[in-house]
C-alpha atoms as a PDB file:
ATOM      1  CA  MET A   1      29.384 -18.893 -67.764  1.00  0.00           C
ATOM      2  CA  PHE A   2      26.475 -20.667 -66.437  1.00  0.00           C
ATOM      3  CA  THR A   3      28.465 -21.359 -63.707  1.00  0.00           C
ATOM      4  CA  ASN A   4      29.231 -18.143 -61.819  1.00  0.00           C
ATOM      5  CA  HIS A   5      25.617 -16.627 -63.336  1.00  0.00           C
ATOM      6  CA  ARG A   6      24.531 -18.981 -60.201  1.00  0.00           C
ATOM      7  CA  ILE A   7      27.149 -16.865 -57.524  1.00  0.00           C
ATOM      8  CA  ALA A   8      26.295 -13.973 -58.460  1.00  0.00           C
ATOM      9  CA  LEU A   9      22.683 -14.587 -57.918  1.00  0.00           C
ATOM     10  CA  ALA A  10      22.933 -16.675 -54.840  1.00  0.00           C
ATOM     11  CA  ALA A  11      25.658 -13.406 -53.432  1.00  0.00           C
ATOM     12  CA  ALA A  12      22.751 -10.734 -54.437  1.00  0.00           C
ATOM     13  CA  ALA A  13      20.664 -13.131 -52.125  1.00  0.00           C
ATOM     14  CA  ILE A  14      22.532 -13.562 -49.547  1.00  0.00           C
ATOM     15  CA  PHE A  15      23.474  -9.676 -49.828  1.00  0.00           C
ATOM     16  CA  CYS A  16      19.451  -8.430 -49.522  1.00  0.00           C
ATOM     17  CA  LEU A  17      18.909 -11.293 -47.038  1.00  0.00           C
ATOM     18  CA  GLY A  18      21.936  -9.429 -45.127  1.00  0.00           C
ATOM     19  CA  THR A  19      19.947  -6.448 -46.068  1.00  0.00           C
ATOM     20  CA  ALA A  20      16.579  -7.611 -45.444  1.00  0.00           C
ATOM     21  CA  LEU A  21      17.538  -8.865 -41.311  1.00  0.00           C
ATOM     22  CA  CYS A  22      19.997  -6.111 -40.216  1.00  0.00           C
ATOM     23  CA  SER A  23      16.789  -2.861 -41.679  1.00  0.00           C
ATOM     24  CA  SER A  24      14.002  -5.480 -39.453  1.00  0.00           C
ATOM     25  CA  PRO A  25      13.008  -3.950 -35.666  1.00  0.00           C
ATOM     26  CA  ALA A  26      15.126  -5.273 -32.990  1.00  0.00           C
ATOM     27  CA  VAL A  27      12.143  -8.093 -31.464  1.00  0.00           C
ATOM     28  CA  SER A  28      12.103  -6.841 -27.329  1.00  0.00           C
ATOM     29  CA  ASP A  29      10.401  -7.781 -24.541  1.00  0.00           C
ATOM     30  CA  PRO A  30       7.793  -7.175 -24.475  1.00  0.00           C
ATOM     31  CA  MET A  31       6.970  -5.883 -20.611  1.00  0.00           C
ATOM     32  CA  PRO A  32       9.662  -3.751 -19.383  1.00  0.00           C
ATOM     33  CA  PRO A  33      11.677  -5.216 -16.989  1.00  0.00           C
ATOM     34  CA  LEU A  34       9.859  -4.979 -13.084  1.00  0.00           C
ATOM     35  CA  LYS A  35       6.804  -5.304 -14.586  1.00  0.00           C
ATOM     36  CA  HIS A  36       7.562  -8.721 -16.187  1.00  0.00           C
ATOM     37  CA  ALA A  37       8.899  -9.317 -12.770  1.00  0.00           C
ATOM     38  CA  LEU A  38       5.797  -9.016 -11.311  1.00  0.00           C
ATOM     39  CA  SER A  39       4.129 -10.439 -13.850  1.00  0.00           C
ATOM     40  CA  GLN A  40       5.642 -13.881 -12.522  1.00  0.00           C
ATOM     41  CA  MET A  41       4.217 -13.865  -9.304  1.00  0.00           C
ATOM     42  CA  THR A  42       0.347 -14.556  -7.529  1.00  0.00           C
ATOM     43  CA  TYR A  43       0.641 -12.060  -5.306  1.00  0.00           C
ATOM     44  CA  ARG A  44      -2.535 -10.379  -6.284  1.00  0.00           C
ATOM     45  CA  LEU A  45      -2.826  -5.724  -4.934  1.00  0.00           C
ATOM     46  CA  VAL A  46      -5.174  -3.977  -3.526  1.00  0.00           C
ATOM     47  CA  TRP A  47      -6.163  -0.840  -3.203  1.00  0.00           C
ATOM     48  CA  GLU A  48      -9.115   2.023  -2.199  1.00  0.00           C
ATOM     49  CA  SER A  49     -10.121   3.698  -5.926  1.00  0.00           C
ATOM     50  CA  TYR A  50     -12.559   6.494  -6.628  1.00  0.00           C
ATOM     51  CA  ILE A  51     -15.122   6.108 -10.006  1.00  0.00           C
ATOM     52  CA  ASP A  52     -18.249   7.156 -10.838  1.00  0.00           C
ATOM     53  CA  GLY A  53     -19.165   8.972  -7.842  1.00  0.00           C
ATOM     54  CA  ASN A  54     -18.691   5.918  -5.534  1.00  0.00           C
ATOM     55  CA  TRP A  55     -15.261   5.044  -3.106  1.00  0.00           C
ATOM     56  CA  GLU A  56     -14.807   1.403  -3.989  1.00  0.00           C
ATOM     57  CA  ILE A  57     -12.297  -1.509  -3.812  1.00  0.00           C
ATOM     58  CA  TYR A  58      -9.996  -3.053  -6.606  1.00  0.00           C
ATOM     59  CA  THR A  59      -7.595  -5.634  -7.500  1.00  0.00           C
ATOM     60  CA  SER A  60      -4.923  -6.489  -9.759  1.00  0.00           C
ATOM     61  CA  HIS A  61      -2.231  -8.795 -10.276  1.00  0.00           C
ATOM     62  CA  ALA A  62       1.340  -8.216  -9.172  1.00  0.00           C
ATOM     63  CA  ASP A  63       1.841  -6.757 -13.058  1.00  0.00           C
ATOM     64  CA  GLY A  64      -1.163  -4.206 -13.068  1.00  0.00           C
ATOM     65  CA  SER A  65      -3.030  -6.757 -15.256  1.00  0.00           C
ATOM     66  CA  GLY A  66      -6.625  -7.898 -14.812  1.00  0.00           C
ATOM     67  CA  ILE A  67      -8.178  -4.945 -12.772  1.00  0.00           C
ATOM     68  CA  ARG A  68     -10.802  -4.927 -11.995  1.00  0.00           C
ATOM     69  CA  ASN A  69     -13.393  -3.535  -9.141  1.00  0.00           C
ATOM     70  CA  LEU A  70     -13.757  -6.142  -5.717  1.00  0.00           C
ATOM     71  CA  THR A  71     -16.796  -4.585  -3.951  1.00  0.00           C
ATOM     72  CA  ARG A  72     -18.817  -3.749  -7.268  1.00  0.00           C
ATOM     73  CA  THR A  73     -21.577  -1.643  -4.547  1.00  0.00           C
ATOM     74  CA  PRO A  74     -23.098   1.623  -6.276  1.00  0.00           C
ATOM     75  CA  GLY A  75     -23.448   4.269  -2.928  1.00  0.00           C
ATOM     76  CA  VAL A  76     -21.534   2.713  -0.178  1.00  0.00           C
ATOM     77  CA  HIS A  77     -18.174   3.937  -0.097  1.00  0.00           C
ATOM     78  CA  GLU A  78     -15.396   1.065   0.594  1.00  0.00           C
ATOM     79  CA  HIS A  79     -11.936   2.433   1.412  1.00  0.00           C
ATOM     80  CA  ASP A  80      -8.359   1.535   3.324  1.00  0.00           C
ATOM     81  CA  PRO A  81      -8.111  -2.245   2.558  1.00  0.00           C
ATOM     82  CA  HIS A  82      -5.475  -4.460   4.493  1.00  0.00           C
ATOM     83  CA  PRO A  83      -5.485  -7.999   3.307  1.00  0.00           C
ATOM     84  CA  SER A  84      -5.280 -11.334   6.147  1.00  0.00           C
ATOM     85  CA  PRO A  85      -1.252 -12.724   6.102  1.00  0.00           C
ATOM     86  CA  ASP A  86      -3.291 -15.611   4.829  1.00  0.00           C
ATOM     87  CA  GLY A  87      -4.761 -13.849   2.287  1.00  0.00           C
ATOM     88  CA  LYS A  88      -7.946 -15.531   2.744  1.00  0.00           C
ATOM     89  CA  HIS A  89      -9.573 -12.756   3.841  1.00  0.00           C
ATOM     90  CA  ILE A  90      -9.638  -8.262   3.663  1.00  0.00           C
ATOM     91  CA  ALA A  91     -10.244  -5.773   6.645  1.00  0.00           C
ATOM     92  CA  PHE A  92     -11.996  -2.313   5.427  1.00  0.00           C
ATOM     93  CA  THR A  93     -13.463   1.174   6.593  1.00  0.00           C
ATOM     94  CA  VAL A  94     -17.303   1.619   4.734  1.00  0.00           C
ATOM     95  CA  ASP A  95     -18.221   5.213   5.689  1.00  0.00           C
ATOM     96  CA  SER A  96     -21.767   6.412   6.204  1.00  0.00           C
ATOM     97  CA  GLY A  97     -23.059   9.847   6.019  1.00  0.00           C
ATOM     98  CA  GLU A  98     -21.508  13.704   5.593  1.00  0.00           C
ATOM     99  CA  GLY A  99     -18.830  15.630   7.098  1.00  0.00           C
ATOM    100  CA  ARG A 100     -19.001  14.843  11.073  1.00  0.00           C
ATOM    101  CA  ASP A 101     -22.068  13.315  10.320  1.00  0.00           C
ATOM    102  CA  ALA A 102     -20.870  10.874   9.035  1.00  0.00           C
ATOM    103  CA  ILE A 103     -20.076   7.085  10.718  1.00  0.00           C
ATOM    104  CA  ARG A 104     -17.251   4.859   9.270  1.00  0.00           C
ATOM    105  CA  SER A 105     -17.312   1.432  10.567  1.00  0.00           C
ATOM    106  CA  LEU A 106     -15.518  -1.196   9.877  1.00  0.00           C
ATOM    107  CA  TRP A 107     -15.780  -5.045   8.728  1.00  0.00           C
ATOM    108  CA  VAL A 108     -14.566  -7.076   7.059  1.00  0.00           C
ATOM    109  CA  MET A 109     -15.367  -9.750   3.510  1.00  0.00           C
ATOM    110  CA  ASP A 110     -13.793 -12.643   1.592  1.00  0.00           C
ATOM    111  CA  SER A 111     -10.961 -12.005  -0.906  1.00  0.00           C
ATOM    112  CA  ASP A 112     -12.707 -11.947  -3.571  1.00  0.00           C
ATOM    113  CA  GLY A 113     -15.209  -9.945  -2.443  1.00  0.00           C
ATOM    114  CA  ASN A 114     -18.105 -12.012  -0.841  1.00  0.00           C
ATOM    115  CA  HIS A 115     -19.375 -12.482   2.458  1.00  0.00           C
ATOM    116  CA  ARG A 116     -19.490  -8.356   4.462  1.00  0.00           C
ATOM    117  CA  LYS A 117     -19.462  -9.074   7.236  1.00  0.00           C
ATOM    118  CA  LYS A 118     -19.479  -5.963   9.704  1.00  0.00           C
ATOM    119  CA  ILE A 119     -17.287  -6.055  13.151  1.00  0.00           C
ATOM    120  CA  ALA A 120     -17.207  -2.005  14.653  1.00  0.00           C
ATOM    121  CA  ASP A 121     -18.882   1.031  13.546  1.00  0.00           C
ATOM    122  CA  TYR A 122     -16.739   4.725  15.147  1.00  0.00           C
ATOM    123  CA  ALA A 123     -13.387   2.390  13.933  1.00  0.00           C
ATOM    124  CA  ARG A 124     -10.613   2.682  11.935  1.00  0.00           C
ATOM    125  CA  GLU A 125      -6.692   1.968  11.252  1.00  0.00           C
ATOM    126  CA  PRO A 126      -7.543  -2.080  10.903  1.00  0.00           C
ATOM    127  CA  PHE A 127      -4.155  -4.366  11.129  1.00  0.00           C
ATOM    128  CA  TRP A 128      -4.092  -7.862  11.063  1.00  0.00           C
ATOM    129  CA  SER A 129      -2.724 -10.418  14.185  1.00  0.00           C
ATOM    130  CA  PRO A 130       0.518 -12.666  12.418  1.00  0.00           C
ATOM    131  CA  ASP A 131      -2.512 -15.133  12.612  1.00  0.00           C
ATOM    132  CA  SER A 132      -4.878 -13.973  10.589  1.00  0.00           C
ATOM    133  CA  ARG A 133      -7.760 -14.442  13.218  1.00  0.00           C
ATOM    134  CA  SER A 134      -8.118 -11.710  14.001  1.00  0.00           C
ATOM    135  CA  ILE A 135      -8.034  -8.089  13.433  1.00  0.00           C
ATOM    136  CA  GLY A 136      -6.802  -5.028  15.545  1.00  0.00           C
ATOM    137  CA  TYR A 137      -8.164  -1.409  15.219  1.00  0.00           C
ATOM    138  CA  LEU A 138      -8.805   1.922  16.065  1.00  0.00           C
ATOM    139  CA  PRO A 139     -12.161   3.663  18.436  1.00  0.00           C
ATOM    140  CA  GLN A 140     -13.175   6.496  17.452  1.00  0.00           C
ATOM    141  CA  LEU A 141     -11.997   9.416  19.995  1.00  0.00           C
ATOM    142  CA  TYR A 142     -15.677  11.067  20.089  1.00  0.00           C
ATOM    143  CA  PRO A 143     -19.075   9.804  18.678  1.00  0.00           C
ATOM    144  CA  LYS A 144     -18.710  13.913  16.134  1.00  0.00           C
ATOM    145  CA  PHE A 145     -16.565  12.431  13.451  1.00  0.00           C
ATOM    146  CA  PHE A 146     -13.374  13.661  12.932  1.00  0.00           C
ATOM    147  CA  LEU A 147     -11.394  13.415  10.054  1.00  0.00           C
ATOM    148  CA  ALA A 148      -7.559  12.983  11.587  1.00  0.00           C
ATOM    149  CA  GLU A 149      -6.089   9.438  11.336  1.00  0.00           C
ATOM    150  CA  SER A 150      -4.953  10.528  15.514  1.00  0.00           C
ATOM    151  CA  TYR A 151      -8.588  11.092  16.013  1.00  0.00           C
ATOM    152  CA  ASN A 152      -8.668   7.445  18.489  1.00  0.00           C
ATOM    153  CA  LYS A 153      -8.002   5.995  21.878  1.00  0.00           C
ATOM    154  CA  GLY A 154      -7.903   2.349  23.217  1.00  0.00           C
ATOM    155  CA  LEU A 155      -6.000  -0.581  21.082  1.00  0.00           C
ATOM    156  CA  LEU A 156      -8.767  -3.208  20.632  1.00  0.00           C
ATOM    157  CA  PHE A 157      -8.847  -7.086  18.363  1.00  0.00           C
ATOM    158  CA  TYR A 158     -11.874  -8.723  17.311  1.00  0.00           C
ATOM    159  CA  ASP A 159     -11.744 -13.009  15.993  1.00  0.00           C
ATOM    160  CA  ILE A 160     -13.064 -13.520  12.957  1.00  0.00           C
ATOM    161  CA  GLU A 161     -13.954 -16.730  14.259  1.00  0.00           C
ATOM    162  CA  THR A 162     -15.594 -16.178  17.929  1.00  0.00           C
ATOM    163  CA  GLY A 163     -16.973 -12.242  17.423  1.00  0.00           C
ATOM    164  CA  LYS A 164     -15.663 -11.714  20.054  1.00  0.00           C
ATOM    165  CA  THR A 165     -13.126  -8.307  21.134  1.00  0.00           C
ATOM    166  CA  THR A 166     -11.118  -7.630  23.529  1.00  0.00           C
ATOM    167  CA  PRO A 167      -8.869  -4.288  24.167  1.00  0.00           C
ATOM    168  CA  HIS A 168      -4.804  -4.546  23.750  1.00  0.00           C
ATOM    169  CA  VAL A 169      -2.770  -4.695  27.483  1.00  0.00           C
ATOM    170  CA  ASN A 170      -2.099  -1.555  26.867  1.00  0.00           C
ATOM    171  CA  SER A 171      -5.433  -0.040  25.850  1.00  0.00           C
ATOM    172  CA  LYS A 172      -6.203   2.351  28.477  1.00  0.00           C
ATOM    173  CA  GLY A 173      -2.455   3.720  28.052  1.00  0.00           C
ATOM    174  CA  ILE A 174      -2.324   4.555  23.637  1.00  0.00           C
ATOM    175  CA  SER A 175      -3.732   7.230  22.078  1.00  0.00           C
ATOM    176  CA  ARG A 176      -4.040   9.152  19.439  1.00  0.00           C
ATOM    177  CA  VAL A 177      -1.783   6.721  17.884  1.00  0.00           C
ATOM    178  CA  TYR A 178      -2.397   5.600  13.941  1.00  0.00           C
ATOM    179  CA  ASN A 179      -1.375   3.591  10.825  1.00  0.00           C
ATOM    180  CA  PRO A 180      -0.740   0.471  12.463  1.00  0.00           C
ATOM    181  CA  SER A 181       1.816  -2.140  11.298  1.00  0.00           C
ATOM    182  CA  TYR A 182       1.806  -5.560  13.174  1.00  0.00           C
ATOM    183  CA  SER A 183       5.295  -7.994  12.667  1.00  0.00           C
ATOM    184  CA  ARG A 184       4.851 -11.140  12.006  1.00  0.00           C
ATOM    185  CA  ASN A 185       6.843 -12.811  14.661  1.00  0.00           C
ATOM    186  CA  GLY A 186       3.836 -11.704  16.264  1.00  0.00           C
ATOM    187  CA  LYS A 187       6.186  -9.452  19.305  1.00  0.00           C
ATOM    188  CA  TRP A 188       5.397  -5.179  17.882  1.00  0.00           C
ATOM    189  CA  ILE A 189       3.104  -3.167  16.185  1.00  0.00           C
ATOM    190  CA  ALA A 190       4.417  -0.011  14.040  1.00  0.00           C
ATOM    191  CA  VAL A 191       2.450   2.745  14.651  1.00  0.00           C
ATOM    192  CA  VAL A 192       2.538   7.215  14.393  1.00  0.00           C
ATOM    193  CA  SER A 193       2.399   8.873  17.754  1.00  0.00           C
ATOM    194  CA  ASN A 194       0.886  12.040  17.410  1.00  0.00           C
ATOM    195  CA  GLY A 195       3.556  14.490  18.355  1.00  0.00           C
ATOM    196  CA  ASP A 196       4.096  18.598  18.596  1.00  0.00           C
ATOM    197  CA  PRO A 197       5.707  19.376  16.043  1.00  0.00           C
ATOM    198  CA  ASP A 198       6.417  16.352  14.047  1.00  0.00           C
ATOM    199  CA  ASP A 199       4.934  12.754  14.136  1.00  0.00           C
ATOM    200  CA  GLY A 200       6.977   9.732  14.664  1.00  0.00           C
ATOM    201  CA  LEU A 201       7.395   6.537  14.467  1.00  0.00           C
ATOM    202  CA  ALA A 202       6.936   4.335  17.544  1.00  0.00           C
ATOM    203  CA  LEU A 203       6.523   0.412  18.996  1.00  0.00           C
ATOM    204  CA  ILE A 204       3.826  -1.013  21.066  1.00  0.00           C
ATOM    205  CA  GLU A 205       4.679  -4.199  22.485  1.00  0.00           C
ATOM    206  CA  ALA A 206       1.950  -6.466  21.869  1.00  0.00           C
ATOM    207  CA  HIS A 207       0.891  -8.448  24.271  1.00  0.00           C
ATOM    208  CA  GLY A 208       2.654  -5.988  27.222  1.00  0.00           C
ATOM    209  CA  ASN A 209       3.037  -2.523  27.967  1.00  0.00           C
ATOM    210  CA  ARG A 210       6.369  -1.011  26.894  1.00  0.00           C
ATOM    211  CA  ILE A 211       5.911   1.853  24.179  1.00  0.00           C
ATOM    212  CA  ILE A 212       9.057   1.940  22.070  1.00  0.00           C
ATOM    213  CA  ASN A 213      10.404   5.499  20.360  1.00  0.00           C
ATOM    214  CA  LEU A 214      11.651   4.848  17.253  1.00  0.00           C
ATOM    215  CA  HIS A 215      12.938   8.249  17.511  1.00  0.00           C
ATOM    216  CA  SER A 216      12.326   8.608  13.637  1.00  0.00           C
ATOM    217  CA  ILE A 217      10.548  11.556  12.744  1.00  0.00           C
ATOM    218  CA  GLY A 218       7.827  10.150   9.410  1.00  0.00           C
ATOM    219  CA  CYS A 219       4.025   8.389   9.413  1.00  0.00           C
ATOM    220  CA  ARG A 220       2.535   4.977   8.264  1.00  0.00           C
ATOM    221  CA  PRO A 221       4.985   2.361   9.181  1.00  0.00           C
ATOM    222  CA  ASN A 222       5.307  -0.672   8.106  1.00  0.00           C
ATOM    223  CA  LEU A 223       7.310  -3.699   8.945  1.00  0.00           C
ATOM    224  CA  SER A 224       9.181  -6.468   6.794  1.00  0.00           C
ATOM    225  CA  PRO A 225       6.994 -10.290   6.641  1.00  0.00           C
ATOM    226  CA  ASP A 226      10.576 -11.287   7.278  1.00  0.00           C
ATOM    227  CA  CYS A 227      10.571  -8.750  10.007  1.00  0.00           C
ATOM    228  CA  THR A 228      14.007  -7.243   8.975  1.00  0.00           C
ATOM    229  CA  HIS A 229      13.069  -3.946   7.616  1.00  0.00           C
ATOM    230  CA  ILE A 230      11.030  -1.268   7.811  1.00  0.00           C
ATOM    231  CA  ALA A 231       9.645   1.637   5.901  1.00  0.00           C
ATOM    232  CA  TRP A 232       7.710   4.661   5.597  1.00  0.00           C
ATOM    233  CA  GLY A 233       7.648   8.282   5.035  1.00  0.00           C
ATOM    234  CA  LYS A 234       9.543  10.603   6.175  1.00  0.00           C
ATOM    235  CA  THR A 235       8.130  13.712   3.798  1.00  0.00           C
ATOM    236  CA  ASP A 236       5.799  13.550   1.740  1.00  0.00           C
ATOM    237  CA  HIS A 237       8.004  13.234  -1.119  1.00  0.00           C
ATOM    238  CA  ASP A 238      10.353  10.768  -0.159  1.00  0.00           C
ATOM    239  CA  LEU A 239       9.387   7.343   1.374  1.00  0.00           C
ATOM    240  CA  CYS A 240      12.838   5.247   3.537  1.00  0.00           C
ATOM    241  CA  VAL A 241      13.329   1.726   3.589  1.00  0.00           C
ATOM    242  CA  ALA A 242      15.691   1.242   7.376  1.00  0.00           C
ATOM    243  CA  PRO A 243      16.778  -1.620   9.159  1.00  0.00           C
ATOM    244  CA  LEU A 244      14.708  -3.179  11.808  1.00  0.00           C
ATOM    245  CA  ASP A 245      15.606  -6.088  13.791  1.00  0.00           C
ATOM    246  CA  LEU A 246      11.629  -6.762  15.221  1.00  0.00           C
ATOM    247  CA  SER A 247      13.234 -10.203  16.470  1.00  0.00           C
ATOM    248  CA  SER A 248      15.554  -7.769  19.732  1.00  0.00           C
ATOM    249  CA  GLU A 249      13.936  -6.371  22.664  1.00  0.00           C
ATOM    250  CA  ASN A 250      15.022  -3.161  22.491  1.00  0.00           C
ATOM    251  CA  PRO A 251      14.330  -2.609  18.022  1.00  0.00           C
ATOM    252  CA  VAL A 252      16.655   0.392  17.009  1.00  0.00           C
ATOM    253  CA  VAL A 253      16.030   1.858  13.063  1.00  0.00           C
ATOM    254  CA  GLY A 254      19.334   1.577  11.133  1.00  0.00           C
ATOM    255  CA  LYS A 255      20.253   4.056   8.509  1.00  0.00           C
ATOM    256  CA  PRO A 256      17.681   3.768   5.381  1.00  0.00           C
ATOM    257  CA  SER A 257      19.080   1.196   3.001  1.00  0.00           C
ATOM    258  CA  LEU A 258      16.740   2.779   0.303  1.00  0.00           C
ATOM    259  CA  ILE A 259      15.147   6.147  -0.563  1.00  0.00           C
ATOM    260  CA  ILE A 260      12.388   6.670  -2.408  1.00  0.00           C
ATOM    261  CA  HIS A 261      12.244  10.257  -3.352  1.00  0.00           C
ATOM    262  CA  ASP A 262      10.095  11.788  -6.090  1.00  0.00           C
ATOM    263  CA  SER A 263      10.736  16.419  -5.663  1.00  0.00           C
ATOM    264  CA  ILE A 264       7.522  17.039  -7.607  1.00  0.00           C
ATOM    265  CA  ASN A 265       4.674  14.925  -6.857  1.00  0.00           C
ATOM    266  CA  LYS A 266       3.477  12.724  -3.178  1.00  0.00           C
ATOM    267  CA  ILE A 267       4.536   9.484  -2.206  1.00  0.00           C
ATOM    268  CA  TYR A 268       3.251   7.777  -0.085  1.00  0.00           C
ATOM    269  CA  HIS A 269       1.464   4.652   1.450  1.00  0.00           C
ATOM    270  CA  ILE A 270       4.343   2.434   1.341  1.00  0.00           C
ATOM    271  CA  HIS A 271       3.825  -1.775   2.054  1.00  0.00           C
ATOM    272  CA  TRP A 272       5.222  -4.623   2.069  1.00  0.00           C
ATOM    273  CA  SER A 273       4.841  -7.737  -0.539  1.00  0.00           C
ATOM    274  CA  PRO A 274       4.737 -10.756   1.871  1.00  0.00           C
ATOM    275  CA  ASP A 275       8.234 -11.945   0.517  1.00  0.00           C
ATOM    276  CA  SER A 276       9.764  -8.975   1.500  1.00  0.00           C
ATOM    277  CA  ARG A 277      11.140  -8.237  -2.684  1.00  0.00           C
ATOM    278  CA  TYR A 278       9.227  -4.449  -3.347  1.00  0.00           C
ATOM    279  CA  VAL A 279       7.145  -2.016  -1.569  1.00  0.00           C
ATOM    280  CA  ALA A 280       3.980  -0.097  -3.400  1.00  0.00           C
ATOM    281  CA  PHE A 281       3.127   3.193  -2.623  1.00  0.00           C
ATOM    282  CA  SER A 282       0.506   5.994  -3.486  1.00  0.00           C
ATOM    283  CA  ARG A 283       1.624   8.658  -5.773  1.00  0.00           C
ATOM    284  CA  GLY A 284       0.039  11.767  -6.844  1.00  0.00           C
ATOM    285  CA  PRO A 285       0.200  15.613  -7.521  1.00  0.00           C
ATOM    286  CA  GLU A 286      -0.170  17.486  -3.805  1.00  0.00           C
ATOM    287  CA  GLY A 287      -4.024  18.705  -3.358  1.00  0.00           C
ATOM    288  CA  ARG A 288      -6.980  19.471  -0.684  1.00  0.00           C
ATOM    289  CA  GLY A 289      -9.566  16.988  -2.193  1.00  0.00           C
ATOM    290  CA  ASP A 290     -12.766  17.955  -3.516  1.00  0.00           C
ATOM    291  CA  ILE A 291     -15.726  18.063  -1.367  1.00  0.00           C
ATOM    292  CA  THR A 292     -18.481  18.369  -4.966  1.00  0.00           C
ATOM    293  CA  ARG A 293     -17.685  14.734  -4.461  1.00  0.00           C
ATOM    294  CA  LYS A 294     -19.823  12.850  -2.357  1.00  0.00           C
ATOM    295  CA  GLY A 295     -18.774  10.709   0.603  1.00  0.00           C
ATOM    296  CA  SER A 296     -15.564  12.754  -0.124  1.00  0.00           C
ATOM    297  CA  PHE A 297     -13.976  14.813   2.252  1.00  0.00           C
ATOM    298  CA  GLN A 298     -11.733  17.828   2.352  1.00  0.00           C
ATOM    299  CA  SER A 299      -8.492  17.355   3.171  1.00  0.00           C
ATOM    300  CA  ALA A 300      -4.625  16.889   2.251  1.00  0.00           C
ATOM    301  CA  ASN A 301      -5.158  14.129  -0.550  1.00  0.00           C
ATOM    302  CA  GLU A 302      -3.594  11.474   1.126  1.00  0.00           C
ATOM    303  CA  ILE A 303      -5.940  11.721   3.822  1.00  0.00           C
ATOM    304  CA  ILE A 304      -8.502   8.814   3.663  1.00  0.00           C
ATOM    305  CA  GLY A 305     -11.044   9.278   2.326  1.00  0.00           C
ATOM    306  CA  VAL A 306     -10.117  12.389   0.320  1.00  0.00           C
ATOM    307  CA  TYR A 307     -10.604  12.366  -3.340  1.00  0.00           C
ATOM    308  CA  ALA A 308      -6.924  12.798  -4.564  1.00  0.00           C
ATOM    309  CA  GLY A 309      -7.051  13.006  -9.125  1.00  0.00           C
ATOM    310  CA  GLY A 310      -4.126  12.372 -11.012  1.00  0.00           C
ATOM    311  CA  TRP A 311      -3.226   9.928  -7.616  1.00  0.00           C
ATOM    312  CA  ASN A 312      -1.946   5.736  -9.078  1.00  0.00           C
ATOM    313  CA  ILE A 313      -0.826   3.059  -7.502  1.00  0.00           C
ATOM    314  CA  TYR A 314       3.406   1.871  -7.930  1.00  0.00           C
ATOM    315  CA  VAL A 315       5.878  -1.006  -7.390  1.00  0.00           C
ATOM    316  CA  ALA A 316       9.704  -0.832  -7.221  1.00  0.00           C
ATOM    317  CA  SER A 317      12.036  -2.696  -5.444  1.00  0.00           C
ATOM    318  CA  ALA A 318      12.969  -3.249  -1.200  1.00  0.00           C
ATOM    319  CA  LYS A 319      16.185  -4.602  -2.364  1.00  0.00           C
ATOM    320  CA  ARG A 320      17.705  -1.777  -4.464  1.00  0.00           C
ATOM    321  CA  THR A 321      20.049   0.574  -2.667  1.00  0.00           C
ATOM    322  CA  GLY A 322      21.033   3.398  -2.307  1.00  0.00           C
ATOM    323  CA  VAL A 323      18.515   7.299  -3.521  1.00  0.00           C
ATOM    324  CA  LEU A 324      16.146   6.412  -6.269  1.00  0.00           C
ATOM    325  CA  ASP A 325      14.750   9.297  -8.497  1.00  0.00           C
ATOM    326  CA  LEU A 326      11.294   8.873  -9.750  1.00  0.00           C
ATOM    327  CA  ALA A 327      12.199  11.141 -12.114  1.00  0.00           C
ATOM    328  CA  ASN A 328      14.590   9.481 -13.772  1.00  0.00           C
ATOM    329  CA  ALA A 329      13.351   5.648 -12.729  1.00  0.00           C
ATOM    330  CA  SER A 330      13.482   3.432 -15.305  1.00  0.00           C
ATOM    331  CA  SER A 331      11.307   0.616 -16.070  1.00  0.00           C
ATOM    332  CA  ALA A 332      13.313  -1.149 -14.634  1.00  0.00           C
ATOM    333  CA  ASP A 333      13.205   0.529 -11.065  1.00  0.00           C
ATOM    334  CA  LEU A 334       9.266   1.109 -10.971  1.00  0.00           C
ATOM    335  CA  ALA A 335       6.604  -0.501 -12.391  1.00  0.00           C
ATOM    336  CA  GLN A 336       3.177   1.607 -12.947  1.00  0.00           C
ATOM    337  CA  ILE A 337       0.407  -0.736 -11.462  1.00  0.00           C
ATOM    338  CA  SER A 338      -3.730   1.399 -12.193  1.00  0.00           C
ATOM    339  CA  THR A 339      -3.727   4.326 -14.915  1.00  0.00           C
ATOM    340  CA  ASN A 340      -6.167   6.202 -14.894  1.00  0.00           C
ATOM    341  CA  GLY A 341      -5.613   8.773 -11.522  1.00  0.00           C
ATOM    342  CA  ALA A 342      -8.893   8.097  -9.859  1.00  0.00           C
ATOM    343  CA  SER A 343      -8.058   8.416  -6.914  1.00  0.00           C
ATOM    344  CA  ASN A 344      -5.664   5.180  -6.438  1.00  0.00           C
ATOM    345  CA  LYS A 345      -4.933   4.655  -2.910  1.00  0.00           C
ATOM    346  CA  GLN A 346      -3.173   2.973   0.035  1.00  0.00           C
ATOM    347  CA  PRO A 347      -2.420   0.045  -1.945  1.00  0.00           C
ATOM    348  CA  GLU A 348      -1.768  -3.307  -0.035  1.00  0.00           C
ATOM    349  CA  TRP A 349      -0.664  -6.988  -1.087  1.00  0.00           C
ATOM    350  CA  VAL A 350      -2.555 -10.325  -1.187  1.00  0.00           C
ATOM    351  CA  LYS A 351      -0.849 -13.374  -0.684  1.00  0.00           C
END
């Protein structure tokens, strides 16, 4: 009888333990799949943001953790950050003054925000050479400020070691283009050509006079570091990734392998990670800015220097194929990097 009682107690204990195990909450990964992958990377992100009446440049780890203000300059309006390919420097623009009297200037600093240096006034749209030795930029068309991104003429390069500025060999033939992106093999510079009625993508020969029409409507192209793809905004609501052989003498854009779609919000400013595996972009509601905010202009929310409330930074896999509808995207497909909606735009990766 004693033996049977022990058996009964043991059985009851096993039953209770089993019940407890079955009723315990499942242990899950505390980070969504894409954010977990990003947390393993050594890359960082930088972007522009408008907080407490001031444009600043912010940075974070690739998964959005550790966000901090990189510039920390109340009263100075910094935006449009562009890190060098070697990860040592960041080129950016600064606006001083208001309205048509504003002056947009080009600056460079170390990637930790130190050792700031002005390069040129009346300059915009900075981009780096593949060897990280020079910063290309577009000189402003006329001294009076105008917000339009294509308000420029020519193409110049500033050597960060010597301080010397030299024009592109076809500088006089380059006008009203914007958003330049240099291929890492040094052969091409992708731009948007201001057209009527639509803007289109083009390639400028980096060391020659050729300009190739890519016959693709859209804006803000960005060339993949592995020189095999191009990403751009086809519409306000569609970002495209497509094959583009940048080793070719006559590159042709292939059929998009990935389309990122948002039927409600605008999506802009797509940029590749240094390993060509991911793309970061800006996302937020349509609007025309808020000119009551100092240092801001009135235009479409995606434009540099326009306050865009509700805009944040996101990351998606560039290796995914088909259509990624952001309305139905899972945590495996999409990672939100910033959350405060403080006009977070122009994301770039730091190696």
